[in-house]
Amino acid sequence: MRKLKIAFACDHAGFELKEELINYCNLINYTVKDFGSFSNESVDYPSFAHPLARAIESGEFDFGVSICGSGNGVNMVVNKYKKIRSALCWRVEIARLAREHNDANICAIPSRFVSYDEALSIIITFFSSKFQKGRHMRRIKKIPIH
């Protein structure tokens, strides 16, 4: 089985959760890249979300995880990129559907609204769920602005 390559980015509100999730990913031997932030001191989330989006868009990494307080800020930034389909996931079922129906490649997590255990279950589900293609592929092809 091929080893997953996962990229992470966060702001100050997501720092502690990001660190815990990276520790888990390292334990199960995923290749991990941390784009920051690197502390819980106040920062501007676009500074970290843009490099994450570029890395996913280039194909360097399989999936991305972006984390901020509400999940919305980082999600808005990464979704500006043509090949990014980021989903705001605060429940396991949303993570599964984001992959199965939307072929999401970045999981945005709201650190102020989920526990570590919930976030861990969300990313495990996100990474393991497969895009169902079929009717969903037709819809995915209509997302980019030409």
N, C-alpha and C. Protein backbone atom coordinates (compact mmCIF):
# COMPACT_ATOMS: atom_id res chain seq x y z
N MET A 1 0.85 -1.18 0.00
CA MET A 1 0.00 0.00 0.00
C MET A 1 0.89 1.24 0.00
N ARG A 2 0.57 2.20 -0.86
CA ARG A 2 1.34 3.43 -0.97
C ARG A 2 1.14 4.30 0.27
N LYS A 3 2.22 4.89 0.72
CA LYS A 3 2.18 5.76 1.90
C LYS A 3 1.57 7.11 1.52
N LEU A 4 0.57 7.56 2.28
CA LEU A 4 -0.06 8.85 2.01
C LEU A 4 0.87 10.00 2.33
N LYS A 5 0.75 11.05 1.52
CA LYS A 5 1.48 12.30 1.75
C LYS A 5 0.45 13.35 2.15
N ILE A 6 0.61 13.88 3.36
CA ILE A 6 -0.37 14.80 3.93
C ILE A 6 0.31 16.13 4.27
N ALA A 7 -0.32 17.23 3.86
CA ALA A 7 0.18 18.56 4.18
C ALA A 7 -0.77 19.23 5.17
N PHE A 8 -0.21 19.95 6.12
CA PHE A 8 -0.98 20.64 7.15
C PHE A 8 -0.68 22.14 7.15
N ALA A 9 -1.70 22.92 7.49
CA ALA A 9 -1.52 24.35 7.72
C ALA A 9 -2.57 24.80 8.74
N CYS A 10 -2.21 25.82 9.50
CA CYS A 10 -3.15 26.33 10.50
C CYS A 10 -2.82 27.76 10.84
N ASP A 11 -3.70 28.37 11.60
CA ASP A 11 -3.39 29.64 12.23
C ASP A 11 -3.15 29.37 13.72
N HIS A 12 -3.03 30.42 14.50
CA HIS A 12 -2.76 30.28 15.94
C HIS A 12 -3.84 29.47 16.66
N ALA A 13 -5.10 29.64 16.25
CA ALA A 13 -6.19 28.92 16.93
C ALA A 13 -6.16 27.42 16.64
N GLY A 14 -5.55 27.04 15.55
CA GLY A 14 -5.48 25.63 15.18
C GLY A 14 -4.17 24.96 15.50
N PHE A 15 -3.23 25.72 16.07
CA PHE A 15 -1.87 25.21 16.27
C PHE A 15 -1.82 23.92 17.11
N GLU A 16 -2.43 23.93 18.28
CA GLU A 16 -2.33 22.76 19.16
C GLU A 16 -2.98 21.53 18.54
N LEU A 17 -4.14 21.70 17.92
CA LEU A 17 -4.80 20.57 17.27
C LEU A 17 -3.96 20.05 16.10
N LYS A 18 -3.39 20.96 15.32
CA LYS A 18 -2.53 20.56 14.21
C LYS A 18 -1.36 19.73 14.71
N GLU A 19 -0.73 20.15 15.78
CA GLU A 19 0.41 19.41 16.32
C GLU A 19 0.02 17.99 16.72
N GLU A 20 -1.14 17.85 17.36
CA GLU A 20 -1.62 16.52 17.78
C GLU A 20 -1.93 15.63 16.57
N LEU A 21 -2.55 16.21 15.55
CA LEU A 21 -2.88 15.43 14.36
C LEU A 21 -1.63 15.03 13.58
N ILE A 22 -0.65 15.92 13.53
CA ILE A 22 0.62 15.58 12.88
C ILE A 22 1.31 14.45 13.63
N ASN A 23 1.28 14.49 14.96
CA ASN A 23 1.88 13.41 15.75
C ASN A 23 1.24 12.07 15.38
N TYR A 24 -0.08 12.04 15.27
CA TYR A 24 -0.76 10.81 14.88
C TYR A 24 -0.30 10.35 13.49
N CYS A 25 -0.29 11.27 12.54
CA CYS A 25 0.11 10.92 11.17
C CYS A 25 1.54 10.41 11.11
N ASN A 26 2.41 10.98 11.90
CA ASN A 26 3.79 10.48 11.96
C ASN A 26 3.85 9.08 12.56
N LEU A 27 3.02 8.83 13.57
CA LEU A 27 2.99 7.50 14.20
C LEU A 27 2.57 6.40 13.23
N ILE A 28 1.67 6.73 12.31
CA ILE A 28 1.25 5.70 11.36
C ILE A 28 2.03 5.79 10.05
N ASN A 29 3.11 6.56 10.09
CA ASN A 29 4.09 6.58 9.01
C ASN A 29 3.63 7.25 7.73
N TYR A 30 2.74 8.23 7.82
CA TYR A 30 2.43 9.06 6.67
C TYR A 30 3.60 10.01 6.44
N THR A 31 3.79 10.44 5.20
CA THR A 31 4.72 11.52 4.91
C THR A 31 3.98 12.82 5.22
N VAL A 32 4.55 13.66 6.06
CA VAL A 32 3.86 14.86 6.53
C VAL A 32 4.71 16.10 6.26
N LYS A 33 4.04 17.15 5.81
CA LYS A 33 4.66 18.47 5.65
C LYS A 33 3.84 19.46 6.47
N ASP A 34 4.53 20.22 7.29
CA ASP A 34 3.88 21.23 8.14
C ASP A 34 4.20 22.61 7.58
N PHE A 35 3.18 23.28 7.05
CA PHE A 35 3.35 24.62 6.50
C PHE A 35 3.16 25.71 7.56
N GLY A 36 2.96 25.31 8.82
CA GLY A 36 2.77 26.29 9.88
C GLY A 36 1.29 26.53 10.10
N SER A 37 1.03 27.33 11.03
CA SER A 37 1.84 28.16 11.90
C SER A 37 2.61 27.28 12.89
N PHE A 38 3.60 27.89 13.50
CA PHE A 38 4.49 27.12 14.36
C PHE A 38 4.40 27.51 15.83
N SER A 39 3.34 28.23 16.19
CA SER A 39 3.08 28.56 17.59
C SER A 39 1.62 29.00 17.72
N ASN A 40 1.20 29.27 18.93
CA ASN A 40 -0.16 29.76 19.14
C ASN A 40 -0.22 31.29 19.25
N GLU A 41 0.85 31.96 18.80
CA GLU A 41 0.83 33.42 18.74
C GLU A 41 0.07 33.87 17.50
N SER A 42 -0.65 34.96 17.63
CA SER A 42 -1.53 35.45 16.57
C SER A 42 -0.80 35.60 15.23
N VAL A 43 -1.41 35.03 14.19
CA VAL A 43 -0.87 35.10 12.82
C VAL A 43 -2.03 35.29 11.84
N ASP A 44 -1.69 35.54 10.59
CA ASP A 44 -2.67 35.67 9.52
C ASP A 44 -2.75 34.36 8.76
N TYR A 45 -3.89 33.70 8.81
CA TYR A 45 -4.04 32.36 8.22
C TYR A 45 -3.70 32.28 6.72
N PRO A 46 -3.92 33.33 5.90
CA PRO A 46 -3.56 33.18 4.49
C PRO A 46 -2.07 32.89 4.27
N SER A 47 -1.22 33.36 5.17
CA SER A 47 0.22 33.12 5.03
C SER A 47 0.56 31.63 5.03
N PHE A 48 -0.27 30.82 5.63
CA PHE A 48 -0.02 29.38 5.73
C PHE A 48 -0.93 28.58 4.79
N ALA A 49 -2.12 29.10 4.55
CA ALA A 49 -3.08 28.39 3.70
C ALA A 49 -2.66 28.42 2.22
N HIS A 50 -2.09 29.53 1.76
CA HIS A 50 -1.65 29.60 0.36
C HIS A 50 -0.59 28.55 0.03
N PRO A 51 0.48 28.42 0.81
CA PRO A 51 1.46 27.37 0.49
C PRO A 51 0.87 25.96 0.53
N LEU A 52 -0.04 25.71 1.45
CA LEU A 52 -0.72 24.41 1.51
C LEU A 52 -1.47 24.16 0.21
N ALA A 53 -2.27 25.12 -0.21
CA ALA A 53 -3.07 24.95 -1.43
C ALA A 53 -2.17 24.71 -2.65
N ARG A 54 -1.08 25.46 -2.75
CA ARG A 54 -0.17 25.27 -3.89
C ARG A 54 0.43 23.87 -3.88
N ALA A 55 0.76 23.35 -2.71
CA ALA A 55 1.36 22.01 -2.61
C ALA A 55 0.36 20.92 -3.00
N ILE A 56 -0.90 21.09 -2.63
CA ILE A 56 -1.92 20.11 -3.02
C ILE A 56 -2.21 20.24 -4.51
N GLU A 57 -2.34 21.46 -4.98
CA GLU A 57 -2.66 21.70 -6.39
C GLU A 57 -1.57 21.14 -7.32
N SER A 58 -0.33 21.21 -6.88
CA SER A 58 0.79 20.72 -7.71
C SER A 58 0.87 19.19 -7.74
N GLY A 59 0.15 18.54 -6.82
CA GLY A 59 0.20 17.08 -6.75
C GLY A 59 1.30 16.55 -5.85
N GLU A 60 2.01 17.44 -5.18
CA GLU A 60 3.09 17.03 -4.28
C GLU A 60 2.56 16.22 -3.10
N PHE A 61 1.32 16.51 -2.68
CA PHE A 61 0.71 15.81 -1.55
C PHE A 61 -0.65 15.27 -1.95
N ASP A 62 -1.06 14.17 -1.32
CA ASP A 62 -2.35 13.55 -1.61
C ASP A 62 -3.50 14.38 -1.04
N PHE A 63 -3.36 14.79 0.21
CA PHE A 63 -4.41 15.52 0.89
C PHE A 63 -3.81 16.63 1.74
N GLY A 64 -4.66 17.61 2.04
CA GLY A 64 -4.29 18.67 2.96
C GLY A 64 -5.27 18.73 4.11
N VAL A 65 -4.77 19.23 5.23
CA VAL A 65 -5.62 19.51 6.40
C VAL A 65 -5.33 20.95 6.78
N SER A 66 -6.37 21.77 6.77
CA SER A 66 -6.23 23.17 7.17
C SER A 66 -7.09 23.38 8.42
N ILE A 67 -6.53 24.13 9.37
CA ILE A 67 -7.21 24.27 10.66
C ILE A 67 -7.15 25.73 11.10
N CYS A 68 -8.30 26.27 11.47
CA CYS A 68 -8.35 27.56 12.16
C CYS A 68 -9.54 27.50 13.11
N GLY A 69 -9.79 28.56 13.82
CA GLY A 69 -10.83 28.55 14.85
C GLY A 69 -12.18 28.07 14.35
N SER A 70 -12.66 28.68 13.27
CA SER A 70 -13.96 28.29 12.70
C SER A 70 -13.81 27.35 11.51
N GLY A 71 -12.61 27.25 10.97
CA GLY A 71 -12.38 26.48 9.76
C GLY A 71 -12.70 27.25 8.50
N ASN A 72 -13.46 28.32 8.63
CA ASN A 72 -13.90 29.07 7.46
C ASN A 72 -12.80 29.88 6.79
N GLY A 73 -11.98 30.55 7.56
CA GLY A 73 -10.94 31.40 6.97
C GLY A 73 -9.99 30.62 6.08
N VAL A 74 -9.41 29.55 6.61
CA VAL A 74 -8.48 28.74 5.82
C VAL A 74 -9.20 28.10 4.64
N ASN A 75 -10.45 27.70 4.84
CA ASN A 75 -11.23 27.08 3.77
C ASN A 75 -11.44 28.05 2.61
N MET A 76 -11.75 29.29 2.93
CA MET A 76 -11.95 30.30 1.89
C MET A 76 -10.68 30.53 1.08
N VAL A 77 -9.55 30.60 1.76
CA VAL A 77 -8.28 30.83 1.06
C VAL A 77 -7.96 29.69 0.11
N VAL A 78 -7.96 28.47 0.59
CA VAL A 78 -7.54 27.34 -0.26
C VAL A 78 -8.51 27.11 -1.42
N ASN A 79 -9.77 27.43 -1.23
CA ASN A 79 -10.75 27.22 -2.31
C ASN A 79 -10.62 28.25 -3.43
N LYS A 80 -9.73 29.20 -3.32
CA LYS A 80 -9.45 30.13 -4.40
C LYS A 80 -8.65 29.46 -5.52
N TYR A 81 -8.06 28.32 -5.25
CA TYR A 81 -7.20 27.62 -6.21
C TYR A 81 -8.04 26.67 -7.06
N LYS A 82 -7.79 26.70 -8.36
CA LYS A 82 -8.62 25.97 -9.33
C LYS A 82 -8.73 24.48 -9.05
N LYS A 83 -7.66 23.83 -8.66
CA LYS A 83 -7.68 22.38 -8.47
C LYS A 83 -7.96 21.96 -7.03
N ILE A 84 -8.34 22.90 -6.20
CA ILE A 84 -8.64 22.59 -4.79
C ILE A 84 -10.14 22.47 -4.60
N ARG A 85 -10.51 21.42 -3.87
CA ARG A 85 -11.87 21.24 -3.41
C ARG A 85 -11.78 20.97 -1.91
N SER A 86 -11.88 22.05 -1.14
CA SER A 86 -11.76 21.95 0.30
C SER A 86 -13.13 21.92 0.93
N ALA A 87 -13.28 21.06 1.93
CA ALA A 87 -14.56 20.91 2.62
C ALA A 87 -14.38 21.20 4.10
N LEU A 88 -15.28 22.01 4.64
CA LEU A 88 -15.30 22.29 6.07
C LEU A 88 -15.96 21.11 6.77
N CYS A 89 -15.19 20.39 7.56
CA CYS A 89 -15.65 19.14 8.17
C CYS A 89 -15.64 19.23 9.69
N TRP A 90 -16.81 19.18 10.28
CA TRP A 90 -16.91 19.17 11.74
C TRP A 90 -17.56 17.89 12.25
N ARG A 91 -17.93 17.01 11.34
CA ARG A 91 -18.47 15.70 11.68
C ARG A 91 -17.89 14.66 10.73
N VAL A 92 -17.79 13.43 11.20
CA VAL A 92 -17.24 12.34 10.39
C VAL A 92 -18.05 12.14 9.11
N GLU A 93 -19.37 12.20 9.23
CA GLU A 93 -20.23 12.00 8.06
C GLU A 93 -19.97 13.05 6.98
N ILE A 94 -19.72 14.28 7.38
CA ILE A 94 -19.41 15.33 6.41
C ILE A 94 -18.08 15.03 5.72
N ALA A 95 -17.10 14.57 6.47
CA ALA A 95 -15.80 14.22 5.88
C ALA A 95 -15.96 13.10 4.86
N ARG A 96 -16.73 12.09 5.20
CA ARG A 96 -16.95 10.96 4.28
C ARG A 96 -17.63 11.43 3.00
N LEU A 97 -18.70 12.21 3.14
CA LEU A 97 -19.43 12.70 1.97
C LEU A 97 -18.59 13.67 1.14
N ALA A 98 -17.76 14.45 1.79
CA ALA A 98 -16.88 15.38 1.06
C ALA A 98 -15.96 14.62 0.12
N ARG A 99 -15.46 13.48 0.56
CA ARG A 99 -14.60 12.65 -0.30
C ARG A 99 -15.43 11.88 -1.31
N GLU A 100 -16.48 11.20 -0.86
CA GLU A 100 -17.26 10.33 -1.75
C GLU A 100 -18.01 11.09 -2.85
N HIS A 101 -18.58 12.24 -2.51
CA HIS A 101 -19.41 12.96 -3.47
C HIS A 101 -18.71 14.15 -4.12
N ASN A 102 -17.74 14.75 -3.43
CA ASN A 102 -17.13 15.98 -3.92
C ASN A 102 -15.66 15.85 -4.27
N ASP A 103 -15.08 14.67 -4.04
CA ASP A 103 -13.66 14.43 -4.29
C ASP A 103 -12.80 15.53 -3.64
N ALA A 104 -13.17 15.91 -2.42
CA ALA A 104 -12.42 16.94 -1.70
C ALA A 104 -10.98 16.49 -1.49
N ASN A 105 -10.06 17.44 -1.62
CA ASN A 105 -8.64 17.12 -1.40
C ASN A 105 -8.04 17.86 -0.21
N ILE A 106 -8.80 18.76 0.40
CA ILE A 106 -8.39 19.40 1.64
C ILE A 106 -9.55 19.32 2.63
N CYS A 107 -9.21 18.96 3.85
CA CYS A 107 -10.17 18.89 4.94
C CYS A 107 -9.93 20.08 5.86
N ALA A 108 -10.88 21.00 5.92
CA ALA A 108 -10.79 22.16 6.80
C ALA A 108 -11.49 21.83 8.11
N ILE A 109 -10.79 22.05 9.21
CA ILE A 109 -11.32 21.67 10.52
C ILE A 109 -11.45 22.91 11.42
N PRO A 110 -12.61 23.07 12.07
CA PRO A 110 -12.81 24.19 12.99
C PRO A 110 -12.34 23.82 14.41
N SER A 111 -11.14 24.24 14.77
CA SER A 111 -10.53 23.79 16.02
C SER A 111 -11.31 24.20 17.27
N ARG A 112 -12.07 25.27 17.20
CA ARG A 112 -12.83 25.71 18.37
C ARG A 112 -14.14 24.94 18.55
N PHE A 113 -14.45 24.05 17.62
CA PHE A 113 -15.75 23.37 17.66
C PHE A 113 -15.64 21.85 17.65
N VAL A 114 -14.42 21.31 17.60
CA VAL A 114 -14.24 19.86 17.64
C VAL A 114 -13.14 19.50 18.64
N SER A 115 -13.27 18.36 19.24
CA SER A 115 -12.24 17.85 20.14
C SER A 115 -11.15 17.18 19.31
N TYR A 116 -10.06 16.83 19.95
CA TYR A 116 -9.00 16.08 19.27
C TYR A 116 -9.55 14.75 18.75
N ASP A 117 -10.28 14.02 19.57
CA ASP A 117 -10.82 12.73 19.14
C ASP A 117 -11.74 12.87 17.93
N GLU A 118 -12.57 13.91 17.93
CA GLU A 118 -13.45 14.15 16.78
C GLU A 118 -12.62 14.50 15.54
N ALA A 119 -11.64 15.36 15.70
CA ALA A 119 -10.79 15.75 14.57
C ALA A 119 -10.03 14.55 14.02
N LEU A 120 -9.54 13.71 14.90
CA LEU A 120 -8.83 12.50 14.47
C LEU A 120 -9.76 11.59 13.66
N SER A 121 -10.95 11.36 14.16
CA SER A 121 -11.92 10.54 13.42
C SER A 121 -12.26 11.17 12.07
N ILE A 122 -12.33 12.48 12.03
CA ILE A 122 -12.63 13.19 10.78
C ILE A 122 -11.53 12.96 9.76
N ILE A 123 -10.27 13.14 10.15
CA ILE A 123 -9.20 12.97 9.14
C ILE A 123 -9.02 11.50 8.75
N ILE A 124 -9.18 10.59 9.68
CA ILE A 124 -9.07 9.16 9.34
C ILE A 124 -10.13 8.82 8.28
N THR A 125 -11.35 9.29 8.50
CA THR A 125 -12.43 9.04 7.55
C THR A 125 -12.15 9.74 6.22
N PHE A 126 -11.70 10.97 6.28
CA PHE A 126 -11.41 11.74 5.07
C PHE A 126 -10.35 11.03 4.23
N PHE A 127 -9.26 10.60 4.86
CA PHE A 127 -8.17 9.95 4.13
C PHE A 127 -8.57 8.58 3.57
N SER A 128 -9.47 7.89 4.22
CA SER A 128 -9.80 6.52 3.80
C SER A 128 -11.01 6.43 2.86
N SER A 129 -11.79 7.49 2.77
CA SER A 129 -12.97 7.47 1.90
C SER A 129 -12.56 7.69 0.45
N LYS A 130 -13.27 7.03 -0.44
CA LYS A 130 -12.95 7.09 -1.87
C LYS A 130 -14.03 7.84 -2.64
N PHE A 131 -13.60 8.60 -3.63
CA PHE A 131 -14.51 9.31 -4.51
C PHE A 131 -15.33 8.29 -5.29
N GLN A 132 -16.64 8.46 -5.33
CA GLN A 132 -17.53 7.50 -5.98
C GLN A 132 -17.68 7.69 -7.49
N LYS A 133 -17.16 8.77 -8.01
CA LYS A 133 -17.23 9.08 -9.45
C LYS A 133 -18.68 9.07 -9.93
N GLY A 134 -18.98 8.40 -11.04
CA GLY A 134 -20.35 8.34 -11.55
C GLY A 134 -20.97 9.72 -11.70
N ARG A 135 -22.19 9.88 -11.20
CA ARG A 135 -22.91 11.16 -11.33
C ARG A 135 -22.16 12.30 -10.65
N HIS A 136 -21.35 11.97 -9.65
CA HIS A 136 -20.60 13.00 -8.94
C HIS A 136 -19.50 13.60 -9.80
N MET A 137 -18.91 12.81 -10.68
CA MET A 137 -17.86 13.30 -11.57
C MET A 137 -18.41 14.41 -12.48
N ARG A 138 -19.60 14.22 -12.99
CA ARG A 138 -20.24 15.23 -13.85
C ARG A 138 -20.34 16.57 -13.10
N ARG A 139 -20.69 16.49 -11.83
CA ARG A 139 -20.85 17.70 -11.02
C ARG A 139 -19.51 18.35 -10.71
N ILE A 140 -18.53 17.53 -10.40
CA ILE A 140 -17.18 18.04 -10.09
C ILE A 140 -16.62 18.81 -11.29
N LYS A 141 -16.86 18.30 -12.48
CA LYS A 141 -16.34 18.95 -13.70
C LYS A 141 -16.98 20.33 -13.92
N LYS A 142 -18.11 20.60 -13.29
CA LYS A 142 -18.78 21.89 -13.45
C LYS A 142 -18.32 22.94 -12.43
N ILE A 143 -17.44 22.57 -11.50
CA ILE A 143 -17.02 23.50 -10.45
C ILE A 143 -16.09 24.61 -10.97
N PRO A 144 -15.02 24.28 -11.71
CA PRO A 144 -14.09 25.36 -12.11
C PRO A 144 -14.74 26.41 -13.01
N ILE A 145 -14.31 27.64 -12.85
CA ILE A 145 -14.73 28.73 -13.74
C ILE A 145 -13.78 28.72 -14.91
N HIS A 146 -14.33 28.67 -16.10
CA HIS A 146 -13.48 28.60 -17.31
C HIS A 146 -13.32 29.96 -17.93
